[in-house]
Amino acid sequence: MFKKGVVAPGFELIGNDGEIYRSSDYKGEKWLVVFFYPKDNTPGCTIKSCESKEIYDEIRLLRYEVLGISRDDIKSHINFSQKYDLP
C-alpha cells in the first residue's frame, strides 16, 4: 500500500491500441488513477469497470488519466473493452 506523498515506481504498459504507455509520460501533466483487476469478463470486474466508465469523462476533466491493469492478454482486453464500450 502506498502512503500519501510517495511516488509510485515507473512502469510501461501496452494499451489496447498497441501503444506503449509510460508513467513518466504523465509526470507533471496529469495524475494517474491505476486500478488492478483480476480478470476480464468476470462479474465483479465487469461491474467495477462499467462503474468507472460512468465517471470517466468527469475524471479526465480534472486532469486525471485512468489505466486498468489485469493479467489477461491484449486480445482479451480488447474484447472486454469493446463488449462493454470501455474507454
Protein backbone atom coordinates (compact mmCIF):
# COMPACT_ATOMS: atom_id res chain seq x y z
CA MET A 1 0.00 0.00 0.00
CA PHE A 2 1.31 3.43 -0.89
CA LYS A 3 1.39 6.25 1.61
CA LYS A 4 0.39 9.80 0.78
CA GLY A 5 3.17 11.66 -0.99
CA VAL A 6 5.10 8.55 -2.03
CA VAL A 7 5.88 8.43 -5.73
CA ALA A 8 4.90 5.18 -7.41
CA PRO A 9 7.60 3.28 -9.31
CA GLY A 10 7.80 3.88 -13.04
CA PHE A 11 6.12 1.44 -15.40
CA GLU A 12 5.29 0.76 -19.04
CA LEU A 13 2.08 -0.80 -20.36
CA ILE A 14 0.91 -1.84 -23.80
CA GLY A 15 -2.57 -0.43 -24.38
CA ASN A 16 -5.44 -1.97 -26.27
CA ASP A 17 -4.43 0.27 -29.16
CA GLY A 18 -0.93 -1.25 -29.28
CA GLU A 19 0.68 1.94 -27.99
CA ILE A 20 3.16 1.90 -25.11
CA TYR A 21 2.07 3.96 -22.13
CA ARG A 22 4.75 5.06 -19.68
CA SER A 23 4.04 6.54 -16.29
CA SER A 24 6.77 9.09 -16.98
CA ASP A 25 4.73 10.44 -19.92
CA TYR A 26 2.18 11.81 -17.46
CA LYS A 27 4.58 13.35 -14.96
CA GLY A 28 3.69 16.98 -14.43
CA GLU A 29 0.86 16.74 -16.97
CA LYS A 30 -1.82 14.54 -15.43
CA TRP A 31 -2.50 12.49 -12.34
CA LEU A 32 -2.82 8.76 -12.84
CA VAL A 33 -5.53 6.54 -11.43
CA VAL A 34 -4.28 2.98 -11.81
CA PHE A 35 -6.59 0.16 -10.90
CA PHE A 36 -5.79 -3.51 -10.90
CA TYR A 37 -8.39 -6.17 -11.50
CA PRO A 38 -8.04 -9.97 -11.60
CA LYS A 39 -9.63 -10.93 -14.92
CA ASP A 40 -11.59 -9.59 -17.89
CA ASN A 41 -15.27 -10.54 -18.18
CA THR A 42 -15.76 -11.70 -14.60
CA PRO A 43 -18.87 -10.41 -12.79
CA GLY A 44 -17.15 -8.22 -10.20
CA CYS A 45 -14.56 -6.81 -12.58
CA THR A 46 -17.20 -6.06 -15.19
CA ILE A 47 -19.36 -4.18 -12.68
CA LYS A 48 -16.45 -2.09 -11.39
CA SER A 49 -15.12 -1.35 -14.87
CA CYS A 50 -18.55 -0.25 -16.06
CA GLU A 51 -18.98 1.94 -12.96
CA SER A 52 -15.63 3.56 -13.72
CA LYS A 53 -16.77 4.20 -17.29
CA GLU A 54 -19.70 6.25 -15.98
CA ILE A 55 -17.38 8.82 -14.37
CA TYR A 56 -14.50 8.61 -16.87
CA ASP A 57 -15.19 11.92 -18.63
CA GLU A 58 -15.54 13.75 -15.33
CA ILE A 59 -12.24 12.32 -14.08
CA ARG A 60 -10.45 13.36 -17.27
CA LEU A 61 -11.74 16.92 -16.95
CA LEU A 62 -9.89 17.05 -13.63
CA ARG A 63 -6.63 16.14 -15.45
CA TYR A 64 -6.57 12.51 -14.39
CA GLU A 65 -5.94 9.55 -16.67
CA VAL A 66 -7.29 6.11 -15.82
CA LEU A 67 -5.37 2.90 -16.53
CA GLY A 68 -6.78 -0.54 -15.78
CA ILE A 69 -4.41 -3.47 -15.44
CA SER A 70 -5.03 -7.21 -15.30
CA ARG A 71 -3.05 -10.31 -16.18
CA ASP A 72 -5.11 -11.03 -19.30
CA ASP A 73 -3.62 -10.75 -22.77
CA ILE A 74 -4.24 -7.86 -25.17
CA LYS A 75 -6.82 -9.81 -27.19
CA SER A 76 -8.86 -10.41 -24.03
CA HIS A 77 -8.58 -6.73 -23.05
CA ILE A 78 -9.74 -5.59 -26.48
CA ASN A 79 -12.73 -7.96 -26.43
CA PHE A 80 -13.65 -6.88 -22.88
CA SER A 81 -13.31 -3.20 -23.73
CA GLN A 82 -15.38 -3.48 -26.90
CA LYS A 83 -18.06 -5.67 -25.32
CA TYR A 84 -18.74 -3.09 -22.59
CA ASP A 85 -17.73 0.04 -24.54
CA LEU A 86 -14.96 0.84 -22.07
CA PRO A 87 -12.64 3.77 -22.77
